[in-house]
C-alpha atoms as a PDB file:
ATOM      1  CA  MET A   1      -0.104  -0.156  -0.192  1.00  0.00           C
ATOM      2  CA  MET A   2       2.727   2.677   0.884  1.00  0.00           C
ATOM      3  CA  LYS A   3       4.688   1.626  -2.613  1.00  0.00           C
ATOM      4  CA  LYS A   4       0.772   2.294  -4.403  1.00  0.00           C
ATOM      5  CA  THR A   5       1.197   6.008  -2.638  1.00  0.00           C
ATOM      6  CA  ILE A   6       4.500   6.803  -2.820  1.00  0.00           C
ATOM      7  CA  VAL A   7       4.041   6.041  -6.880  1.00  0.00           C
ATOM      8  CA  ILE A   8       1.043   7.695  -6.810  1.00  0.00           C
ATOM      9  CA  VAL A   9       2.522  10.705  -5.279  1.00  0.00           C
ATOM     10  CA  ALA A  10       5.185  10.879  -7.459  1.00  0.00           C
ATOM     11  CA  LEU A  11       3.360  11.193  -9.967  1.00  0.00           C
ATOM     12  CA  LEU A  12       1.128  13.566  -9.740  1.00  0.00           C
ATOM     13  CA  PHE A  13       3.898  15.859  -8.681  1.00  0.00           C
ATOM     14  CA  VAL A  14       4.855  14.570 -12.294  1.00  0.00           C
ATOM     15  CA  MET A  15       1.373  16.260 -13.910  1.00  0.00           C
ATOM     16  CA  LEU A  16       1.734  19.330 -12.808  1.00  0.00           C
ATOM     17  CA  ALA A  17       5.494  20.572 -14.041  1.00  0.00           C
ATOM     18  CA  ILE A  18       4.521  19.099 -17.366  1.00  0.00           C
ATOM     19  CA  SER A  19       0.885  21.258 -16.914  1.00  0.00           C
ATOM     20  CA  PRO A  20       2.323  24.666 -16.053  1.00  0.00           C
ATOM     21  CA  PRO A  21       0.725  27.835 -17.025  1.00  0.00           C
ATOM     22  CA  GLN A  22      -0.115  28.374 -20.210  1.00  0.00           C
ATOM     23  CA  ASN A  23       2.714  30.640 -21.065  1.00  0.00           C
ATOM     24  CA  ALA A  24       5.272  28.978 -19.036  1.00  0.00           C
ATOM     25  CA  ASN A  25       7.667  27.855 -22.297  1.00  0.00           C
ATOM     26  CA  ALA A  26      11.620  26.550 -22.583  1.00  0.00           C
ATOM     27  CA  LEU A  27      12.042  27.841 -25.967  1.00  0.00           C
ATOM     28  CA  GLN A  28      15.543  28.039 -26.501  1.00  0.00           C
ATOM     29  CA  ALA A  29      18.179  29.928 -29.006  1.00  0.00           C
ATOM     30  CA  GLY A  30      18.099  27.267 -32.179  1.00  0.00           C
ATOM     31  CA  ASP A  31      14.946  26.371 -32.497  1.00  0.00           C
ATOM     32  CA  HIS A  32      12.246  27.306 -35.522  1.00  0.00           C
ATOM     33  CA  ILE A  33       9.191  29.044 -34.592  1.00  0.00           C
ATOM     34  CA  SER A  34       6.434  30.978 -36.288  1.00  0.00           C
ATOM     35  CA  ALA A  35       3.900  33.141 -35.125  1.00  0.00           C
ATOM     36  CA  THR A  36       0.145  33.983 -36.374  1.00  0.00           C
ATOM     37  CA  TRP A  37      -2.349  36.372 -35.196  1.00  0.00           C
ATOM     38  CA  ALA A  38      -4.424  35.586 -32.112  1.00  0.00           C
ATOM     39  CA  PRO A  39      -7.751  34.212 -33.720  1.00  0.00           C
ATOM     40  CA  TRP A  40      -9.080  37.349 -32.475  1.00  0.00           C
ATOM     41  CA  ASN A  41      -6.841  39.132 -33.224  1.00  0.00           C
ATOM     42  CA  TYR A  42      -6.834  38.353 -37.131  1.00  0.00           C
ATOM     43  CA  GLY A  43      -4.975  41.257 -39.329  1.00  0.00           C
ATOM     44  CA  ALA A  44      -3.820  43.434 -36.092  1.00  0.00           C
ATOM     45  CA  SER A  45      -1.366  45.379 -36.516  1.00  0.00           C
ATOM     46  CA  GLY A  46       0.723  44.013 -33.303  1.00  0.00           C
ATOM     47  CA  GLY A  47       0.033  41.201 -30.942  1.00  0.00           C
ATOM     48  CA  GLU A  48      -1.086  38.762 -29.341  1.00  0.00           C
ATOM     49  CA  PHE A  49       0.547  36.338 -31.344  1.00  0.00           C
ATOM     50  CA  ALA A  50       0.528  32.771 -31.109  1.00  0.00           C
ATOM     51  CA  VAL A  51       3.582  31.194 -30.795  1.00  0.00           C
ATOM     52  CA  SER A  52       4.293  27.411 -32.465  1.00  0.00           C
ATOM     53  CA  TYR A  53       7.109  25.231 -32.526  1.00  0.00           C
ATOM     54  CA  TYR A  54       7.341  25.971 -36.741  1.00  0.00           C
ATOM     55  CA  GLY A  55       4.942  23.420 -38.723  1.00  0.00           C
ATOM     56  CA  SER A  56       3.102  22.628 -35.717  1.00  0.00           C
ATOM     57  CA  THR A  57      -0.461  23.072 -35.100  1.00  0.00           C
ATOM     58  CA  GLY A  58      -0.109  23.423 -31.007  1.00  0.00           C
ATOM     59  CA  THR A  59       0.160  27.069 -29.067  1.00  0.00           C
ATOM     60  CA  LEU A  60       3.171  27.278 -27.047  1.00  0.00           C
ATOM     61  CA  PHE A  61       1.602  30.799 -26.011  1.00  0.00           C
ATOM     62  CA  THR A  62       0.286  34.012 -27.014  1.00  0.00           C
ATOM     63  CA  THR A  63       2.828  37.542 -27.242  1.00  0.00           C
ATOM     64  CA  PHE A  64       3.582  40.778 -27.509  1.00  0.00           C
ATOM     65  CA  CYS A  65       5.888  42.995 -30.266  1.00  0.00           C
ATOM     66  CA  VAL A  66       8.533  44.452 -28.667  1.00  0.00           C
ATOM     67  CA  GLU A  67      10.438  46.845 -31.243  1.00  0.00           C
ATOM     68  CA  PRO A  68       7.925  49.628 -32.523  1.00  0.00           C
ATOM     69  CA  ASN A  69       9.784  49.692 -35.997  1.00  0.00           C
ATOM     70  CA  GLU A  70      11.178  45.959 -36.872  1.00  0.00           C
ATOM     71  CA  PHE A  71       8.274  42.944 -38.836  1.00  0.00           C
ATOM     72  CA  PHE A  72       7.540  39.380 -39.632  1.00  0.00           C
ATOM     73  CA  THR A  73       5.705  37.830 -41.660  1.00  0.00           C
ATOM     74  CA  PRO A  74       2.165  35.603 -39.453  1.00  0.00           C
ATOM     75  CA  GLY A  75       2.989  32.558 -40.126  1.00  0.00           C
ATOM     76  CA  GLU A  76       6.757  32.122 -41.566  1.00  0.00           C
ATOM     77  CA  GLU A  77       9.728  30.595 -39.804  1.00  0.00           C
ATOM     78  CA  LEU A  78      11.261  32.334 -37.499  1.00  0.00           C
ATOM     79  CA  VAL A  79      15.091  31.025 -35.941  1.00  0.00           C
ATOM     80  CA  VAL A  80      14.609  31.742 -32.213  1.00  0.00           C
ATOM     81  CA  GLN A  81      18.663  33.202 -32.065  1.00  0.00           C
ATOM     82  CA  SER A  82      18.740  34.723 -28.375  1.00  0.00           C
ATOM     83  CA  VAL A  83      16.570  34.228 -25.050  1.00  0.00           C
ATOM     84  CA  GLY A  84      17.601  37.119 -22.253  1.00  0.00           C
ATOM     85  CA  THR A  85      16.588  40.703 -21.471  1.00  0.00           C
ATOM     86  CA  SER A  86      17.494  42.672 -24.458  1.00  0.00           C
ATOM     87  CA  ILE A  87      16.208  43.765 -27.478  1.00  0.00           C
ATOM     88  CA  MET A  88      17.758  43.763 -31.205  1.00  0.00           C
ATOM     89  CA  TYR A  89      16.568  46.747 -31.458  1.00  0.00           C
ATOM     90  CA  ASN A  90      15.222  48.375 -35.564  1.00  0.00           C
ATOM     91  CA  GLY A  91      17.740  45.297 -36.933  1.00  0.00           C
ATOM     92  CA  THR A  92      20.931  47.449 -35.675  1.00  0.00           C
ATOM     93  CA  GLY A  93      22.310  44.894 -34.095  1.00  0.00           C
ATOM     94  CA  SER A  94      23.062  47.097 -30.879  1.00  0.00           C
ATOM     95  CA  GLU A  95      20.997  46.026 -27.647  1.00  0.00           C
ATOM     96  CA  ILE A  96      18.574  47.972 -25.555  1.00  0.00           C
ATOM     97  CA  ALA A  97      17.761  46.340 -22.374  1.00  0.00           C
ATOM     98  CA  LEU A  98      14.329  44.864 -21.616  1.00  0.00           C
ATOM     99  CA  ASN A  99      12.442  48.130 -19.601  1.00  0.00           C
ATOM    100  CA  PRO A 100      10.911  46.471 -16.398  1.00  0.00           C
ATOM    101  CA  LEU A 101       7.819  48.432 -17.257  1.00  0.00           C
ATOM    102  CA  VAL A 102       6.875  46.177 -20.881  1.00  0.00           C
ATOM    103  CA  ALA A 103       7.962  43.668 -18.334  1.00  0.00           C
ATOM    104  CA  TYR A 104       5.641  43.493 -15.580  1.00  0.00           C
ATOM    105  CA  LEU A 105       2.491  44.161 -17.787  1.00  0.00           C
ATOM    106  CA  TYR A 106       3.844  40.984 -19.832  1.00  0.00           C
ATOM    107  CA  HIS A 107       3.854  38.757 -16.840  1.00  0.00           C
ATOM    108  CA  GLU A 108       0.566  40.345 -15.429  1.00  0.00           C
ATOM    109  CA  PHE A 109      -0.809  39.199 -18.893  1.00  0.00           C
ATOM    110  CA  ALA A 110       0.642  35.986 -18.769  1.00  0.00           C
ATOM    111  CA  HIS A 111      -0.598  34.984 -15.390  1.00  0.00           C
ATOM    112  CA  ASN A 112      -4.170  35.968 -16.188  1.00  0.00           C
ATOM    113  CA  THR A 113      -4.228  38.687 -12.813  1.00  0.00           C
ATOM    114  CA  TRP A 114      -5.806  41.188 -14.837  1.00  0.00           C
ATOM    115  CA  ASN A 115      -8.953  37.664 -15.050  1.00  0.00           C
ATOM    116  CA  GLU A 116      -9.319  38.771 -11.886  1.00  0.00           C
ATOM    117  CA  LYS A 117      -9.224  42.103 -11.322  1.00  0.00           C
ATOM    118  CA  GLY A 118     -11.567  42.649 -14.522  1.00  0.00           C
ATOM    119  CA  TYR A 119      -8.815  44.606 -16.255  1.00  0.00           C
ATOM    120  CA  PHE A 120      -8.472  43.229 -19.183  1.00  0.00           C
ATOM    121  CA  ASN A 121     -11.284  40.714 -21.205  1.00  0.00           C
ATOM    122  CA  TYR A 122     -10.252  37.207 -21.421  1.00  0.00           C
ATOM    123  CA  ASP A 123     -13.735  35.918 -22.596  1.00  0.00           C
ATOM    124  CA  ASP A 124     -15.397  38.620 -25.121  1.00  0.00           C
ATOM    125  CA  LEU A 125     -13.244  38.133 -27.615  1.00  0.00           C
ATOM    126  CA  THR A 126     -13.921  41.699 -29.525  1.00  0.00           C
ATOM    127  CA  ALA A 127     -13.445  43.212 -26.437  1.00  0.00           C
ATOM    128  CA  ARG A 128     -10.898  41.583 -25.676  1.00  0.00           C
ATOM    129  CA  LYS A 129      -8.971  42.534 -29.740  1.00  0.00           C
ATOM    130  CA  ASN A 130      -9.193  46.564 -27.696  1.00  0.00           C
ATOM    131  CA  ASP A 131      -7.351  45.517 -25.148  1.00  0.00           C
ATOM    132  CA  ASP A 132      -4.796  43.251 -27.529  1.00  0.00           C
ATOM    133  CA  ALA A 133      -5.003  46.420 -29.637  1.00  0.00           C
ATOM    134  CA  LEU A 134      -4.297  49.107 -26.032  1.00  0.00           C
ATOM    135  CA  LEU A 135      -1.682  46.579 -24.517  1.00  0.00           C
ATOM    136  CA  GLN A 136       0.604  46.724 -27.752  1.00  0.00           C
ATOM    137  CA  SER A 137       1.083  50.303 -27.756  1.00  0.00           C
ATOM    138  CA  ALA A 138       1.499  50.823 -24.119  1.00  0.00           C
ATOM    139  CA  ILE A 139       4.908  48.128 -24.666  1.00  0.00           C
ATOM    140  CA  TRP A 140       5.996  49.673 -27.559  1.00  0.00           C
ATOM    141  CA  LEU A 141       5.410  53.056 -25.929  1.00  0.00           C
ATOM    142  CA  LEU A 142       6.733  52.454 -22.991  1.00  0.00           C
ATOM    143  CA  GLN A 143       9.358  50.466 -24.110  1.00  0.00           C
ATOM    144  CA  ASP A 144      10.514  53.538 -27.053  1.00  0.00           C
ATOM    145  CA  GLY A 145      10.344  56.322 -24.066  1.00  0.00           C
ATOM    146  CA  GLY A 146       6.923  57.470 -25.142  1.00  0.00           C
ATOM    147  CA  GLN A 147       3.545  58.345 -23.552  1.00  0.00           C
ATOM    148  CA  ASP A 148       0.060  58.034 -23.251  1.00  0.00           C
ATOM    149  CA  VAL A 149      -1.663  59.532 -19.719  1.00  0.00           C
ATOM    150  CA  ASN A 150      -4.876  57.705 -21.718  1.00  0.00           C
ATOM    151  CA  ASN A 151      -3.935  54.318 -21.868  1.00  0.00           C
ATOM    152  CA  LYS A 152      -4.966  52.442 -19.030  1.00  0.00           C
ATOM    153  CA  PHE A 153      -2.207  49.879 -19.390  1.00  0.00           C
ATOM    154  CA  ILE A 154       0.616  52.260 -18.617  1.00  0.00           C
ATOM    155  CA  LYS A 155      -1.451  53.886 -16.185  1.00  0.00           C
ATOM    156  CA  TYR A 156      -1.434  49.981 -14.648  1.00  0.00           C
ATOM    157  CA  ALA A 157       2.293  49.536 -14.874  1.00  0.00           C
ATOM    158  CA  ARG A 158       3.233  52.607 -13.433  1.00  0.00           C
ATOM    159  CA  LYS A 159       1.147  51.892 -10.214  1.00  0.00           C
ATOM    160  CA  TYR A 160       0.439  49.112  -9.487  1.00  0.00           C
ATOM    161  CA  SER A 161       4.715  47.648 -10.730  1.00  0.00           C
ATOM    162  CA  GLU A 162       5.382  49.771  -7.349  1.00  0.00           C
ATOM    163  CA  ILE A 163       2.674  49.206  -5.220  1.00  0.00           C
ATOM    164  CA  ASP A 164       3.887  44.860  -5.948  1.00  0.00           C
ATOM    165  CA  GLY A 165       7.718  46.025  -5.299  1.00  0.00           C
ATOM    166  CA  TRP A 166       8.080  44.091  -9.127  1.00  0.00           C
ATOM    167  CA  THR A 167      11.956  45.660  -9.750  1.00  0.00           C
ATOM    168  CA  GLY A 168      13.838  44.259 -13.060  1.00  0.00           C
ATOM    169  CA  THR A 169      11.589  41.575 -15.611  1.00  0.00           C
ATOM    170  CA  GLY A 170      10.841  39.049 -13.851  1.00  0.00           C
ATOM    171  CA  ASP A 171       9.776  35.780 -15.464  1.00  0.00           C
ATOM    172  CA  VAL A 172       9.336  37.897 -18.778  1.00  0.00           C
ATOM    173  CA  VAL A 173      12.373  37.291 -21.308  1.00  0.00           C
ATOM    174  CA  VAL A 174      12.534  38.608 -24.784  1.00  0.00           C
ATOM    175  CA  LEU A 175      13.093  36.273 -27.844  1.00  0.00           C
ATOM    176  CA  ASN A 176      15.144  38.130 -29.783  1.00  0.00           C
ATOM    177  CA  LEU A 177      14.739  36.131 -33.894  1.00  0.00           C
ATOM    178  CA  PHE A 178      16.067  36.144 -37.231  1.00  0.00           C
ATOM    179  CA  SER A 179      14.807  34.645 -40.956  1.00  0.00           C
ATOM    180  CA  PRO A 180      16.201  31.504 -41.097  1.00  0.00           C
ATOM    181  CA  ASP A 181      18.960  33.209 -43.124  1.00  0.00           C
ATOM    182  CA  GLY A 182      19.925  35.197 -40.440  1.00  0.00           C
ATOM    183  CA  GLY A 183      17.658  38.378 -41.796  1.00  0.00           C
ATOM    184  CA  VAL A 184      15.988  40.727 -38.313  1.00  0.00           C
ATOM    185  CA  ARG A 185      12.920  40.052 -37.496  1.00  0.00           C
ATOM    186  CA  GLN A 186      10.137  41.170 -35.073  1.00  0.00           C
ATOM    187  CA  ASP A 187      11.574  40.536 -31.569  1.00  0.00           C
ATOM    188  CA  GLN A 188       9.462  39.098 -28.839  1.00  0.00           C
ATOM    189  CA  LEU A 189       8.518  38.648 -25.055  1.00  0.00           C
ATOM    190  CA  ALA A 190       7.681  35.476 -22.992  1.00  0.00           C
ATOM    191  CA  LEU A 191       7.996  33.935 -19.845  1.00  0.00           C
ATOM    192  CA  VAL A 192      10.539  31.399 -18.391  1.00  0.00           C
ATOM    193  CA  PRO A 193       9.645  28.309 -16.765  1.00  0.00           C
ATOM    194  CA  GLU A 194       8.942  29.276 -13.049  1.00  0.00           C
ATOM    195  CA  PRO A 195      11.754  27.237 -10.576  1.00  0.00           C
ATOM    196  CA  THR A 196       9.010  25.265  -8.889  1.00  0.00           C
ATOM    197  CA  THR A 197       7.969  23.494 -11.723  1.00  0.00           C
ATOM    198  CA  LEU A 198      11.176  22.238 -12.526  1.00  0.00           C
ATOM    199  CA  MET A 199      11.997  21.310  -8.684  1.00  0.00           C
ATOM    200  CA  LEU A 200       8.770  19.637  -8.977  1.00  0.00           C
ATOM    201  CA  LEU A 201       9.252  17.605 -12.613  1.00  0.00           C
ATOM    202  CA  GLY A 202      12.741  16.726 -10.472  1.00  0.00           C
ATOM    203  CA  VAL A 203      11.298  15.408  -7.894  1.00  0.00           C
ATOM    204  CA  GLY A 204       8.573  13.521  -9.496  1.00  0.00           C
ATOM    205  CA  LEU A 205      10.774  11.812 -11.527  1.00  0.00           C
ATOM    206  CA  VAL A 206      13.394  10.606  -8.995  1.00  0.00           C
ATOM    207  CA  GLY A 207      10.258   9.513  -6.628  1.00  0.00           C
ATOM    208  CA  VAL A 208       8.949   7.399 -10.053  1.00  0.00           C
ATOM    209  CA  GLY A 209      12.628   6.449  -9.876  1.00  0.00           C
ATOM    210  CA  VAL A 210      13.216   5.345  -6.751  1.00  0.00           C
ATOM    211  CA  PHE A 211       9.912   3.025  -6.616  1.00  0.00           C
ATOM    212  CA  ARG A 212      11.243   1.378 -10.181  1.00  0.00           C
ATOM    213  CA  ARG A 213      14.487   0.619  -8.057  1.00  0.00           C
ATOM    214  CA  LYS A 214      12.949  -1.217  -4.983  1.00  0.00           C
ATOM    215  CA  THR A 215       9.662  -2.916  -7.137  1.00  0.00           C
ATOM    216  CA  LYS A 216      12.880  -4.722  -9.478  1.00  0.00           C
END
């Protein structure tokens, strides 16, 4: 009975670890991906974009652009050149840092924080497209040093990042993207896997391994 309990608990840890929040991802340099408009956002000038491994139809997470003057074609093959907190600004090769307020906004969006607060409409797709446009605008403005006192997401970032004690970029990273032939493409935001998720996976696999050794 004890052996069965151990393996069940271990398997639960594994299941929890491989079912992280929908935006947590483990993309690495060299991965080939594509980004297309989220269905409700088709034809928009920016995100929300759905990211998939190139050639796959499964969405890994959704994201927004961080550069106002760099582009890509939705659906084209993209190569992750690097993953970090710097932006390859407008194809010049000179890097700029990810703005902490931009990171904060994407963190809040990706963790569905606004669903609880009613600040971002995740359910009504027409309203979501409007919120997508406002959020994308806020990201571009903040990253490029612009302002819009009427943009609710800029107001939110300035107010609540301080209340939450947000510093740096947290669990948010930038995917520096290129075409397969080396052409620069629009960089995108992503989350890194949470350390607790990786820990749960390790604990679960160790538990399964221990149980298998004892039953041989």
